[in-house]
N, C-alpha and C. Protein backbone atom coordinates (compact mmCIF):
# COMPACT_ATOMS: atom_id res chain seq x y z
N UNK A 1 -28.69 11.18 2.66
CA UNK A 1 -27.68 10.33 1.97
C UNK A 1 -26.59 10.61 2.29
N UNK A 2 -26.22 9.32 2.55
CA UNK A 2 -24.55 9.29 2.70
C UNK A 2 -23.59 9.56 0.99
N UNK A 3 -23.34 10.68 1.44
CA UNK A 3 -22.58 10.09 -0.98
C UNK A 3 -20.72 9.34 -0.14
N UNK A 4 -20.40 9.89 0.65
CA UNK A 4 -18.45 9.07 1.40
C UNK A 4 -18.82 9.17 2.51
N UNK A 5 -18.50 7.94 3.25
CA UNK A 5 -18.24 7.54 4.48
C UNK A 5 -16.81 6.70 4.73
N UNK A 6 -16.11 7.66 5.62
CA UNK A 6 -15.39 7.34 6.00
C UNK A 6 -14.49 6.64 6.92
N UNK A 7 -14.47 5.51 6.76
CA UNK A 7 -13.96 4.57 8.43
C UNK A 7 -12.96 4.50 9.07
N UNK A 8 -13.96 4.65 10.04
CA UNK A 8 -13.41 5.52 11.49
C UNK A 8 -13.21 3.85 12.24
N UNK A 9 -12.03 2.94 12.48
CA UNK A 9 -11.28 1.96 13.27
C UNK A 9 -10.58 2.31 14.75
N UNK A 10 -10.65 3.30 14.88
CA UNK A 10 -9.31 4.07 15.77
C UNK A 10 -7.99 4.92 15.64
N UNK A 11 -7.77 4.25 14.31
CA UNK A 11 -6.69 3.98 13.81
C UNK A 11 -6.28 5.06 12.78
N UNK A 12 -5.63 6.44 13.19
CA UNK A 12 -4.65 7.27 13.09
C UNK A 12 -6.22 8.69 12.97
N UNK A 13 -5.43 9.33 12.15
CA UNK A 13 -6.31 10.84 12.43
C UNK A 13 -6.89 11.12 10.90
N UNK A 14 -8.02 10.97 10.82
CA UNK A 14 -8.49 10.24 10.06
C UNK A 14 -9.87 12.58 9.44
N UNK A 15 -9.03 13.36 10.10
CA UNK A 15 -9.20 14.52 10.04
C UNK A 15 -9.12 15.11 8.51
N UNK A 16 -7.77 14.98 8.01
CA UNK A 16 -7.09 15.39 6.91
C UNK A 16 -7.56 14.90 5.71
N UNK A 17 -8.21 13.41 5.90
CA UNK A 17 -9.04 12.54 5.06
C UNK A 17 -9.83 13.82 4.48
N UNK A 18 -11.12 13.85 6.20
CA UNK A 18 -12.10 14.18 6.04
C UNK A 18 -12.32 15.65 4.87
N UNK A 19 -11.48 16.54 5.59
CA UNK A 19 -11.19 18.37 5.52
C UNK A 19 -10.93 17.61 3.73
N UNK A 20 -9.95 16.63 3.42
CA UNK A 20 -9.60 16.80 1.77
C UNK A 20 -10.70 16.88 0.70
N UNK A 21 -11.20 15.77 0.96
CA UNK A 21 -12.76 15.29 1.04
C UNK A 21 -13.48 16.90 0.28
N UNK A 22 -13.81 16.67 1.77
CA UNK A 22 -15.14 17.92 2.12
C UNK A 22 -14.74 18.89 0.60
N UNK A 23 -12.76 19.21 0.49
CA UNK A 23 -12.52 20.43 0.04
C UNK A 23 -12.40 20.05 -1.57
N UNK A 24 -12.57 19.11 -2.03
CA UNK A 24 -12.84 18.15 -3.09
C UNK A 24 -14.46 18.17 -3.68
N UNK A 25 -15.19 17.89 -3.31
CA UNK A 25 -16.11 17.88 -3.44
C UNK A 25 -17.48 18.45 -2.46
N UNK A 26 -17.62 19.53 -2.07
CA UNK A 26 -17.90 20.67 -1.60
C UNK A 26 -19.87 20.59 -1.22
N UNK A 27 -19.83 19.99 -2.24
CA UNK A 27 -22.09 19.25 -2.58
C UNK A 27 -21.13 18.35 -1.53
N UNK A 28 -21.30 17.23 -1.23
CA UNK A 28 -21.28 16.09 -1.01
C UNK A 28 -20.90 16.27 0.58
N UNK A 29 -22.50 15.11 0.92
CA UNK A 29 -22.28 14.04 2.35
C UNK A 29 -21.23 13.47 2.81
N UNK A 30 -19.69 13.99 3.52
CA UNK A 30 -18.94 13.25 4.19
C UNK A 30 -18.57 12.69 5.20
N UNK A 31 -19.32 11.81 5.77
CA UNK A 31 -19.03 11.15 7.39
C UNK A 31 -18.00 10.13 7.89
N UNK A 32 -17.55 11.24 9.08
CA UNK A 32 -16.72 9.85 9.00
C UNK A 32 -17.55 9.26 10.35
N UNK A 33 -17.08 7.31 10.23
CA UNK A 33 -18.11 6.54 10.79
C UNK A 33 -17.28 5.42 10.96
N UNK A 34 -17.64 4.82 12.21
CA UNK A 34 -17.71 3.34 12.40
C UNK A 34 -19.00 2.42 13.31
N UNK A 35 -19.90 3.07 12.03
CA UNK A 35 -21.32 2.81 12.12
C UNK A 35 -21.26 1.64 11.16
N UNK A 36 -21.49 0.42 11.39
CA UNK A 36 -21.62 -0.83 9.93
C UNK A 36 -22.86 -0.06 9.08
N UNK A 37 -23.85 0.58 9.19
CA UNK A 37 -25.03 0.77 9.01
C UNK A 37 -24.94 1.92 8.27
N UNK A 38 -24.10 2.84 8.93
CA UNK A 38 -23.84 3.61 7.84
C UNK A 38 -22.68 3.77 6.15
N UNK A 39 -22.12 2.73 6.81
CA UNK A 39 -21.18 2.53 5.65
C UNK A 39 -22.02 1.39 4.85
N UNK A 40 -22.35 0.21 5.21
CA UNK A 40 -23.22 0.25 4.61
C UNK A 40 -25.13 1.04 3.43
N UNK A 41 -25.13 2.60 3.48
CA UNK A 41 -25.76 3.30 3.12
C UNK A 41 -24.81 4.31 2.04
N UNK A 42 -24.43 4.48 2.45
CA UNK A 42 -23.18 5.22 1.65
C UNK A 42 -22.76 4.80 0.42
N UNK A 43 -22.72 5.99 -0.37
CA UNK A 43 -21.98 5.97 -1.86
C UNK A 43 -21.34 5.62 -2.30
N UNK A 44 -19.95 5.57 -1.64
CA UNK A 44 -19.08 5.47 -1.68
C UNK A 44 -18.08 5.27 -0.08
N UNK A 45 -17.15 4.44 -0.27
CA UNK A 45 -16.83 4.89 1.13
C UNK A 45 -14.12 4.23 0.53
N UNK A 46 -14.25 5.18 1.70
CA UNK A 46 -12.63 5.03 1.89
C UNK A 46 -12.65 4.79 3.37
N UNK A 47 -11.33 3.84 2.86
CA UNK A 47 -10.79 3.00 4.42
C UNK A 47 -9.59 3.28 4.27
N UNK A 48 -8.83 4.93 5.14
CA UNK A 48 -7.89 5.08 5.87
C UNK A 48 -6.99 4.17 6.58
N UNK A 49 -5.74 4.82 7.40
CA UNK A 49 -5.37 4.23 8.06
C UNK A 49 -3.34 4.40 9.11
N UNK A 50 -3.30 4.13 9.67
CA UNK A 50 -1.90 4.70 10.33
C UNK A 50 -2.16 3.52 11.51
N UNK A 51 -0.60 2.80 11.67
CA UNK A 51 -0.52 2.77 12.88
C UNK A 51 0.04 0.93 12.06
N UNK A 52 0.22 0.29 13.24
CA UNK A 52 0.70 -0.95 13.28
C UNK A 52 -0.55 -2.24 12.68
N UNK A 53 -0.11 -2.75 11.70
CA UNK A 53 -1.27 -3.37 10.93
C UNK A 53 -1.77 -4.77 12.53
N UNK A 54 -1.53 -5.12 13.03
CA UNK A 54 -2.56 -6.03 14.70
C UNK A 54 -2.82 -5.49 15.31
N UNK A 55 -2.35 -4.31 15.42
CA UNK A 55 -3.38 -3.07 17.11
C UNK A 55 -5.08 -2.71 15.64
N UNK A 56 -4.90 -2.12 14.58
CA UNK A 56 -5.41 -1.91 13.52
C UNK A 56 -6.33 -3.74 13.17
N UNK A 57 -6.05 -4.47 12.35
CA UNK A 57 -6.69 -5.86 12.91
C UNK A 57 -7.79 -5.94 14.15
N UNK A 58 -7.26 -5.75 15.16
CA UNK A 58 -7.79 -6.13 16.95
C UNK A 58 -9.16 -5.25 16.01
N UNK A 59 -8.74 -3.25 16.21
CA UNK A 59 -9.66 -2.33 16.42
C UNK A 59 -11.03 -2.49 15.61
N UNK A 60 -10.70 -3.38 14.40
CA UNK A 60 -11.58 -3.45 13.54
C UNK A 60 -12.27 -4.56 13.67
N UNK A 61 -11.95 -5.31 14.32
CA UNK A 61 -12.91 -6.29 14.68
C UNK A 61 -14.07 -6.58 15.79
N UNK A 62 -12.36 -5.43 17.16
CA UNK A 62 -13.68 -4.83 17.70
C UNK A 62 -14.94 -3.82 18.03
N UNK A 63 -14.72 -3.13 16.54
CA UNK A 63 -15.63 -2.53 16.17
C UNK A 63 -17.03 -2.98 15.24
N UNK A 64 -16.66 -4.75 14.89
CA UNK A 64 -17.85 -5.09 14.57
C UNK A 64 -18.39 -4.43 12.83
N UNK A 65 -16.44 -3.84 12.02
CA UNK A 65 -16.10 -3.35 11.11
C UNK A 65 -16.00 -4.54 9.73
N UNK A 66 -15.54 -5.26 10.30
CA UNK A 66 -15.10 -6.15 9.66
C UNK A 66 -16.21 -7.20 8.24
N UNK A 67 -17.70 -6.84 8.67
CA UNK A 67 -18.18 -7.77 7.73
C UNK A 67 -18.59 -6.20 7.00
N UNK A 68 -19.20 -4.80 7.13
CA UNK A 68 -19.33 -3.98 6.29
C UNK A 68 -17.30 -3.30 5.65
N UNK A 69 -16.94 -3.90 5.67
CA UNK A 69 -15.68 -3.26 4.87
C UNK A 69 -16.23 -4.31 3.97
N UNK A 70 -15.88 -5.58 3.99
CA UNK A 70 -16.19 -6.35 2.87
C UNK A 70 -16.82 -6.36 1.89
N UNK A 71 -17.90 -5.69 2.96
CA UNK A 71 -19.24 -5.89 1.48
C UNK A 71 -18.79 -4.38 1.05
N UNK A 72 -18.61 -3.66 1.73
CA UNK A 72 -17.72 -2.74 0.63
C UNK A 72 -17.28 -2.14 -0.16
N UNK A 73 -16.09 -3.54 -0.75
CA UNK A 73 -15.30 -3.43 -1.18
C UNK A 73 -15.99 -4.47 -2.24
N UNK A 74 -16.77 -5.20 -1.82
CA UNK A 74 -17.08 -5.88 -2.52
C UNK A 74 -18.53 -5.47 -3.80
N UNK A 75 -18.74 -4.06 -3.64
CA UNK A 75 -19.98 -3.23 -3.79
C UNK A 75 -20.32 -1.68 -4.26
N UNK A 76 -19.12 -1.27 -4.19
CA UNK A 76 -19.12 0.04 -4.06
C UNK A 76 -17.77 0.07 -4.33
N UNK A 77 -18.15 2.07 -5.25
CA UNK A 77 -16.76 2.96 -5.29
C UNK A 77 -15.63 3.00 -4.20
N UNK A 78 -14.10 2.10 -3.57
CA UNK A 78 -13.81 1.89 -2.80
C UNK A 78 -12.32 2.25 -2.47
N UNK A 79 -12.19 2.94 -1.88
CA UNK A 79 -10.68 3.60 -1.97
C UNK A 79 -10.00 3.63 -0.56
N UNK A 80 -8.94 2.80 -0.72
CA UNK A 80 -7.70 2.14 0.13
C UNK A 80 -6.82 3.31 0.96
N UNK A 81 -6.32 3.43 1.94
CA UNK A 81 -4.65 4.31 2.14
C UNK A 81 -4.16 4.17 3.15
N UNK A 82 -2.57 4.00 2.89
CA UNK A 82 -1.51 3.16 3.30
C UNK A 82 -2.17 2.07 4.34
N UNK A 83 -2.06 2.43 5.34
CA UNK A 83 -2.61 0.52 6.45
C UNK A 83 -4.13 0.42 4.87
N UNK A 84 -4.98 1.51 5.35
CA UNK A 84 -5.98 0.80 4.22
C UNK A 84 -6.14 -0.15 3.21
N UNK A 85 -4.76 0.14 2.93
CA UNK A 85 -4.44 -0.87 1.64
C UNK A 85 -3.60 -1.96 2.36
N UNK A 86 -2.57 -2.15 3.03
CA UNK A 86 -2.58 -3.16 3.00
C UNK A 86 -3.45 -4.53 3.83
N UNK A 87 -4.02 -3.78 4.17
CA UNK A 87 -5.00 -4.99 5.29
C UNK A 87 -6.46 -5.26 4.58
N UNK A 88 -6.34 -4.85 3.16
CA UNK A 88 -6.98 -5.54 2.22
C UNK A 88 -6.25 -7.20 1.81
N UNK A 89 -4.76 -7.18 2.04
CA UNK A 89 -4.17 -8.59 1.47
C UNK A 89 -4.82 -9.52 2.73
N UNK A 90 -3.78 -11.25 2.52
CA UNK A 90 -4.55 -12.03 3.09
C UNK A 90 -3.49 -12.40 5.13
N UNK A 91 -2.09 -11.40 4.46
CA UNK A 91 -0.72 -11.16 5.54
C UNK A 91 -0.21 -10.59 5.70
N UNK A 92 0.21 -10.14 7.11
CA UNK A 92 0.91 -9.31 6.87
C UNK A 92 2.37 -10.36 7.90
N UNK A 93 3.76 -9.61 7.55
CA UNK A 93 4.76 -9.85 8.56
C UNK A 93 4.49 -9.20 9.45
N UNK A 94 4.33 -7.54 9.42
CA UNK A 94 4.12 -7.39 10.66
C UNK A 94 3.30 -8.25 11.72
N UNK A 95 4.17 -8.27 12.90
CA UNK A 95 3.03 -9.41 13.42
C UNK A 95 2.51 -11.22 13.41
N UNK A 96 3.09 -11.14 12.31
CA UNK A 96 2.12 -12.24 11.66
C UNK A 96 1.58 -12.21 11.33
N UNK A 97 -0.01 -10.74 11.01
CA UNK A 97 -0.78 -10.90 10.86
C UNK A 97 -1.83 -11.06 9.98
N UNK A 98 -3.20 -11.69 10.15
CA UNK A 98 -3.85 -12.23 9.08
C UNK A 98 -4.63 -10.95 8.48
N UNK A 99 -4.84 -10.58 7.36
CA UNK A 99 -5.29 -9.80 6.84
C UNK A 99 -6.75 -9.84 6.38
N UNK A 100 -7.20 -9.20 5.82
CA UNK A 100 -9.27 -9.57 5.83
C UNK A 100 -8.58 -10.56 4.63
N UNK A 101 -7.60 -10.77 3.43
CA UNK A 101 -8.14 -11.34 2.23
C UNK A 101 -8.71 -11.33 1.04
N UNK A 102 -9.17 -10.04 0.78
CA UNK A 102 -9.70 -9.58 -0.01
C UNK A 102 -9.14 -10.05 -1.49
N UNK A 103 -7.41 -9.17 -1.74
CA UNK A 103 -7.25 -9.39 -2.41
C UNK A 103 -5.77 -10.18 -1.81
N UNK A 104 -5.66 -11.24 -3.21
CA UNK A 104 -4.40 -12.35 -3.30
C UNK A 104 -3.73 -11.26 -2.31
N UNK A 105 -2.74 -11.79 -2.01
CA UNK A 105 -0.68 -11.13 -1.69
C UNK A 105 0.13 -11.03 -0.18
N UNK A 106 0.43 -10.41 -0.11
CA UNK A 106 0.90 -10.82 1.00
C UNK A 106 2.26 -8.41 1.96
N UNK A 107 2.33 -8.61 2.67
CA UNK A 107 2.87 -7.67 2.98
C UNK A 107 3.67 -7.94 3.81
N UNK A 108 4.87 -6.91 3.35
CA UNK A 108 5.82 -6.91 3.19
C UNK A 108 6.93 -5.84 4.28
N UNK A 109 7.98 -6.47 5.31
CA UNK A 109 8.96 -5.06 5.14
C UNK A 109 10.05 -4.85 4.31
N UNK A 110 10.59 -3.61 4.09
CA UNK A 110 11.77 -3.38 3.23
C UNK A 110 12.27 -4.14 4.38
N UNK A 111 13.56 -4.64 3.59
CA UNK A 111 14.41 -5.54 3.85
C UNK A 111 15.63 -4.31 4.42
N UNK A 112 16.23 -4.09 5.47
CA UNK A 112 17.34 -3.43 6.11
C UNK A 112 18.56 -3.58 5.26
N UNK A 113 19.13 -4.75 4.69
CA UNK A 113 20.27 -5.08 3.81
C UNK A 113 19.98 -4.89 2.91
N UNK A 114 18.75 -4.35 2.06
CA UNK A 114 18.28 -3.61 0.98
C UNK A 114 18.90 -1.96 0.85
N UNK A 115 18.63 -1.37 2.17
CA UNK A 115 18.36 -0.06 2.19
C UNK A 115 19.26 0.37 2.01
N UNK A 116 20.05 0.95 0.91
CA UNK A 116 20.84 1.88 0.18
C UNK A 116 20.47 2.23 -1.42
N UNK A 117 21.07 3.37 -1.65
CA UNK A 117 20.74 4.16 -2.84
C UNK A 117 21.80 3.76 -4.10
N UNK A 118 21.97 4.57 -4.81
CA UNK A 118 22.87 3.08 -5.73
C UNK A 118 24.40 4.26 -5.59
N UNK A 119 24.72 5.27 -5.27
CA UNK A 119 25.59 5.81 -4.52
C UNK A 119 26.30 4.88 -3.11
N UNK A 120 25.49 4.05 -2.62
CA UNK A 120 25.33 3.53 -1.44
C UNK A 120 25.52 4.06 -0.14
N UNK A 121 24.64 5.38 -1.00
CA UNK A 121 24.08 5.69 0.97
C UNK A 121 23.02 4.84 1.62
N UNK A 122 22.82 4.90 3.23
CA UNK A 122 21.84 4.09 3.05
C UNK A 122 20.69 5.46 3.71
N UNK A 123 19.31 3.69 3.46
CA UNK A 123 18.17 5.16 3.39
C UNK A 123 17.36 4.61 4.76
N UNK A 124 16.32 5.12 4.99
CA UNK A 124 15.56 4.80 6.21
C UNK A 124 14.35 4.14 5.82
N UNK A 125 14.06 3.11 7.21
CA UNK A 125 12.71 2.58 7.75
C UNK A 125 11.95 3.42 8.87
N UNK A 126 10.85 3.43 8.81
CA UNK A 126 10.24 4.20 7.67
C UNK A 126 10.52 5.15 6.43
N UNK A 127 10.05 4.91 5.06
CA UNK A 127 10.13 5.23 3.98
C UNK A 127 9.00 6.61 4.30
N UNK A 128 9.91 7.87 4.63
CA UNK A 128 9.05 8.61 4.58
C UNK A 128 9.55 9.80 4.01
N UNK A 129 8.07 10.63 3.21
CA UNK A 129 8.90 12.03 2.25
C UNK A 129 8.18 11.70 1.37
N UNK A 130 8.06 12.62 0.23
CA UNK A 130 8.31 12.49 -1.42
C UNK A 130 8.56 11.29 -1.95
N UNK A 131 7.81 11.14 -2.76
CA UNK A 131 8.73 9.94 -4.12
C UNK A 131 7.83 9.80 -5.11
N UNK A 132 7.83 9.63 -6.47
CA UNK A 132 7.46 9.57 -7.09
C UNK A 132 6.79 7.59 -7.12
N UNK A 133 5.61 7.87 -8.46
CA UNK A 133 4.66 7.18 -8.57
C UNK A 133 4.32 7.00 -10.16
N UNK A 134 4.91 5.55 -10.55
CA UNK A 134 4.49 5.37 -11.35
C UNK A 134 3.39 4.52 -12.08
N UNK A 135 2.87 4.67 -13.48
CA UNK A 135 1.41 4.38 -13.44
C UNK A 135 1.47 2.89 -14.06
N UNK A 136 1.21 1.65 -13.43
CA UNK A 136 1.27 0.83 -13.67
C UNK A 136 0.19 0.34 -15.15
N UNK A 137 -0.76 1.25 -15.29
CA UNK A 137 -1.94 0.62 -16.25
C UNK A 137 -2.93 2.40 -15.96
N UNK A 138 -3.73 2.07 -16.84
CA UNK A 138 -4.37 3.18 -17.22
C UNK A 138 -5.96 2.84 -16.02
N UNK A 139 -6.09 4.20 -15.62
CA UNK A 139 -7.65 3.84 -14.37
C UNK A 139 -8.02 5.51 -14.12
N UNK A 140 -8.76 5.07 -14.25
CA UNK A 140 -9.74 7.04 -14.90
C UNK A 140 -9.42 7.39 -12.57
N UNK A 141 -9.02 7.32 -11.59
CA UNK A 141 -8.14 7.93 -10.71
C UNK A 141 -7.25 8.54 -10.92
N UNK A 142 -6.36 7.44 -11.71
CA UNK A 142 -5.00 8.41 -12.52
C UNK A 142 -5.10 9.72 -13.88
N UNK A 143 -6.20 9.82 -14.18
CA UNK A 143 -6.38 10.88 -14.96
C UNK A 143 -6.88 12.36 -14.11
N UNK A 144 -5.82 12.92 -15.21
CA UNK A 144 -5.14 14.28 -15.04
C UNK A 144 -3.94 14.03 -14.17
N UNK A 145 -3.37 13.26 -13.60
CA UNK A 145 -2.40 12.92 -13.53
C UNK A 145 -0.96 12.67 -14.31
N UNK A 146 -0.25 13.29 -13.91
CA UNK A 146 1.42 12.57 -15.41
C UNK A 146 1.99 12.22 -14.84
N UNK A 147 2.40 10.83 -15.01
CA UNK A 147 3.14 9.16 -14.67
C UNK A 147 4.51 9.98 -14.57
N UNK A 148 4.88 9.39 -13.11
CA UNK A 148 5.68 9.62 -12.05
C UNK A 148 5.90 11.24 -11.06
N UNK A 149 4.30 11.59 -11.30
CA UNK A 149 4.03 12.67 -9.86
C UNK A 149 4.44 11.81 -9.16
N UNK A 150 4.52 12.97 -7.58
CA UNK A 150 5.50 12.44 -6.41
C UNK A 150 4.21 12.52 -5.96
N UNK A 151 3.86 11.88 -4.74
CA UNK A 151 3.35 11.34 -3.51
C UNK A 151 3.64 11.30 -2.62
N UNK A 152 3.14 11.57 -0.91
CA UNK A 152 3.95 11.28 -0.16
C UNK A 152 3.43 10.07 1.03
N UNK A 153 4.88 9.18 1.24
CA UNK A 153 4.99 8.06 1.57
C UNK A 153 4.66 8.45 3.41
N UNK A 154 4.58 7.35 4.04
CA UNK A 154 5.01 7.05 5.10
C UNK A 154 4.59 5.25 5.92
N UNK A 155 5.82 4.89 5.59
CA UNK A 155 5.97 3.12 5.66
C UNK A 155 6.88 2.49 6.36
N UNK A 156 6.60 1.27 6.54
CA UNK A 156 8.13 0.78 6.82
C UNK A 156 7.54 -0.89 6.04
N UNK A 157 6.28 -0.82 6.11
CA UNK A 157 5.69 -2.72 5.09
C UNK A 157 4.95 -1.69 3.56
N UNK A 158 5.18 -2.89 2.49
CA UNK A 158 4.68 -3.03 1.31
C UNK A 158 3.81 -4.01 0.97
N UNK A 159 2.68 -4.31 0.03
CA UNK A 159 2.24 -5.05 -0.44
C UNK A 159 3.05 -5.92 -1.97
N UNK A 160 2.67 -6.71 -1.80
CA UNK A 160 3.31 -7.86 -2.72
C UNK A 160 2.26 -8.70 -3.33
N UNK A 161 1.54 -8.48 -3.97
CA UNK A 161 -0.17 -9.13 -4.73
C UNK A 161 0.67 -10.14 -5.75
N UNK A 162 -0.08 -11.05 -5.53
CA UNK A 162 -0.18 -12.30 -5.83
C UNK A 162 -0.33 -11.92 -7.67
N UNK A 163 -0.97 -11.32 -7.96
CA UNK A 163 -1.57 -11.64 -9.25
C UNK A 163 -1.07 -9.88 -9.67
N UNK A 164 0.35 -9.69 -10.89
CA UNK A 164 0.64 -8.43 -11.21
C UNK A 164 -0.29 -7.29 -11.99
N UNK A 165 -1.32 -8.00 -12.21
CA UNK A 165 -2.44 -7.78 -12.82
C UNK A 165 -3.43 -6.36 -12.06
N UNK A 166 -3.22 -6.71 -10.91
CA UNK A 166 -3.78 -6.04 -9.43
C UNK A 166 -2.51 -5.26 -9.62
N UNK A 167 -1.50 -4.57 -9.57
CA UNK A 167 -0.98 -3.24 -9.48
C UNK A 167 -0.86 -1.69 -10.37
N UNK A 168 -1.35 -0.94 -9.98
CA UNK A 168 -2.33 0.35 -10.59
C UNK A 168 -0.86 0.97 -11.26
N UNK A 169 0.05 0.88 -9.68
CA UNK A 169 1.59 2.11 -9.71
C UNK A 169 2.23 1.35 -9.76
N UNK A 170 3.49 1.96 -9.20
CA UNK A 170 4.70 1.37 -8.58
C UNK A 170 5.62 2.72 -7.97
N UNK A 171 6.60 2.57 -7.36
CA UNK A 171 7.58 3.39 -6.39
C UNK A 171 8.63 3.11 -6.51
N UNK A 172 9.71 3.25 -6.15
CA UNK A 172 10.97 2.91 -5.38
C UNK A 172 12.11 2.99 -4.76
N UNK A 173 12.07 1.90 -3.64
CA UNK A 173 12.99 2.79 -2.41
C UNK A 173 12.80 1.88 -1.88
N UNK A 174 14.90 1.08 -2.02
CA UNK A 174 15.71 1.66 -3.85
C UNK A 174 15.16 0.90 -4.81
N UNK A 175 14.47 -0.17 -4.72
CA UNK A 175 14.47 -0.72 -5.72
C UNK A 175 12.31 -0.82 -5.73
N UNK A 176 11.95 -1.24 -6.51
CA UNK A 176 10.25 -1.10 -7.05
C UNK A 176 9.17 -1.92 -6.10
N UNK A 177 8.65 -1.24 -5.52
CA UNK A 177 7.51 -1.65 -4.96
C UNK A 177 5.96 -1.13 -5.35
N UNK A 178 5.47 -1.69 -5.17
CA UNK A 178 3.81 -1.39 -5.78
C UNK A 178 3.36 -0.50 -3.84
N UNK A 179 2.66 0.47 -4.95
CA UNK A 179 1.89 1.83 -4.23
C UNK A 179 1.32 2.04 -4.90
N UNK A 180 0.25 1.13 -5.52
CA UNK A 180 -0.82 1.77 -6.11
C UNK A 180 -1.73 0.21 -7.00
N UNK A 181 -3.06 -0.29 -6.16
CA UNK A 181 -2.79 -1.38 -6.39
C UNK A 181 -4.71 -1.27 -7.23
N UNK A 182 -5.87 -2.13 -8.42
CA UNK A 182 -6.43 -1.53 -9.14
C UNK A 182 -7.31 -2.83 -9.29
N UNK A 183 -9.11 -3.27 -8.44
CA UNK A 183 -9.74 -4.42 -9.38
C UNK A 183 -10.94 -4.02 -8.94
N UNK A 184 -11.75 -3.91 -10.22
CA UNK A 184 -13.00 -4.15 -10.17
C UNK A 184 -13.71 -2.22 -8.89
N UNK A 185 -14.30 -2.39 -8.59
CA UNK A 185 -14.32 -1.03 -7.94
C UNK A 185 -13.29 -0.80 -6.92
N UNK A 186 -12.12 -1.49 -7.12
CA UNK A 186 -11.37 -1.36 -5.53
C UNK A 186 -10.29 -0.43 -6.23
N UNK A 187 -9.72 0.71 -5.37
CA UNK A 187 -8.57 1.94 -5.79
C UNK A 187 -8.17 1.82 -4.79
N UNK A 188 -6.68 1.42 -4.01
CA UNK A 188 -5.89 1.38 -3.12
C UNK A 188 -4.57 1.94 -3.20
N UNK A 189 -4.61 2.63 -2.23
CA UNK A 189 -2.89 3.46 -2.15
C UNK A 189 -2.07 3.47 -1.20
N UNK A 190 -0.88 2.93 -1.07
CA UNK A 190 0.60 2.97 -0.51
C UNK A 190 0.00 4.64 0.38
N UNK A 191 0.72 5.51 -0.70
CA UNK A 191 0.74 7.07 -0.17
C UNK A 191 -0.44 7.45 0.26
N UNK A 192 -0.02 8.66 1.05
CA UNK A 192 -1.07 9.34 1.55
C UNK A 192 -1.90 10.63 0.74
N UNK A 193 -2.72 10.71 -0.47
CA UNK A 193 -3.52 11.73 -1.48
C UNK A 193 -4.16 12.89 -0.49
N UNK A 194 -4.88 12.83 0.28
CA UNK A 194 -4.70 13.75 1.88
C UNK A 194 -3.90 15.11 1.71
N UNK A 195 -2.61 14.15 1.90
CA UNK A 195 -1.24 14.87 2.43
C UNK A 195 -0.54 15.45 0.84
N UNK A 196 -0.86 15.24 -0.08
CA UNK A 196 0.03 15.23 -1.40
C UNK A 196 -0.23 16.61 -2.08
N UNK A 197 -0.71 17.30 -1.46
CA UNK A 197 -0.79 18.64 -1.86
C UNK A 197 -2.06 18.81 -3.35
N UNK A 198 -1.33 18.84 -4.55
CA UNK A 198 -1.98 18.57 -5.93
C UNK A 198 -2.85 17.51 -6.87
N UNK A 199 -1.61 17.01 -7.00
CA UNK A 199 -2.45 15.58 -6.99
C UNK A 199 -2.93 14.54 -6.73
N UNK A 200 -2.30 14.72 -5.10
CA UNK A 200 -3.14 13.68 -4.00
C UNK A 200 -4.46 14.40 -4.29
N UNK A 201 -5.20 15.93 -4.75
CA UNK A 201 -6.24 16.35 -4.25
C UNK A 201 -6.98 15.72 -5.75
N UNK A 202 -6.52 15.95 -7.05
CA UNK A 202 -6.86 15.15 -7.78
C UNK A 202 -7.44 14.07 -7.95
N UNK A 203 -6.55 13.12 -7.72
CA UNK A 203 -7.09 11.62 -7.06
C UNK A 203 -7.90 11.45 -6.60
N UNK A 204 -8.03 12.10 -5.33
CA UNK A 204 -9.44 12.19 -4.76
C UNK A 204 -11.41 12.75 -5.11
N UNK A 205 -10.68 13.83 -6.32
CA UNK A 205 -11.31 14.19 -7.02
C UNK A 205 -11.76 13.48 -7.70
N UNK A 206 -10.80 11.92 -8.39
CA UNK A 206 -11.39 11.37 -9.43
C UNK A 206 -12.75 10.45 -9.33
N UNK A 207 -12.25 10.13 -7.57
CA UNK A 207 -12.41 9.11 -6.96
C UNK A 207 -13.88 9.54 -6.44
N UNK A 208 -14.37 10.76 -6.25
CA UNK A 208 -15.38 11.16 -6.40
C UNK A 208 -16.66 11.29 -7.02
N UNK A 209 -16.12 10.92 -8.46
CA UNK A 209 -16.30 11.59 -9.23
C UNK A 209 -16.78 9.32 -10.02
N UNK A 210 -16.40 9.27 -9.75
CA UNK A 210 -15.59 7.36 -10.53
C UNK A 210 -16.62 6.51 -9.83
N UNK A 211 -17.00 6.52 -11.02
CA UNK A 211 -18.35 4.54 -10.93
C UNK A 211 -18.26 3.55 -10.35
N UNK A 212 -16.61 3.38 -10.63
CA UNK A 212 -17.00 1.64 -9.68
C UNK A 212 -15.59 1.26 -10.35
N UNK A 213 -15.80 1.41 -12.24
CA UNK A 213 -15.78 0.36 -13.37
C UNK A 213 -14.28 1.06 -13.15
N UNK A 214 -13.43 0.36 -13.67
CA UNK A 214 -12.31 0.65 -14.04
C UNK A 214 -12.02 1.14 -15.73
C-alpha cells in the first residue's frame, strides 16, 4: 500500500520533500512517482514543484498526469507546495499559461514598481528567504504552529484567489499576498515546508495525520 504519493513530473528536486515526510512519518510508505495508477492508489498525495509554470504544465501533460492530479485533488488529502499551489488555479501571468482550474483565481507576478519596503529600500524578485505566515483561518494543518511563524519562500509569482474564503494564510512582501489556501481536502502553500525547519516539519506531520476535513 502507498500511504503518501509525491507527484514527480520532472520539475524540482523532490528528494528533500520525500526525506522530510519520511522523517515525520517513518512508519508510512512514501513514494515519489510519475505513475498515475500509483497516485490513484495512494492514501494521500503531495504535489510539489519548482520552475516556470509553462514548463510545469507541459511536463505534467507529457507524463499524462493531469487527470491523476485532478482526481487526487477531488478525493483525498492533498498538499500542494510552491508551483504545486499555483498550478491549481485557472491562469498564470507567467507565459500566459492556463492552469488546472481546480481552484478559481489567477497567478500574478510581483509588480516591480511596488518592490520597496517602508523605508524605501528596494526589494528583490524573486522573493527568497524566510518570511512570516499569518493564519487567516483555523485549520488542522496549522495545529501546533504559532500564528506569524516563519517559513522559507522562493518565488516570483503569487496566487490571487477569486474567493477570499480560500485563503488559509498570508504573508507580506511588501504588500499582503496569499501564501496558503484551503478547501475541503486540499491544502496548498507557496512556501517550502520541507525547507522550513521545525514549523515546516510540523505542518508535514499534521498533513500525514489529516483526514482531509477542515
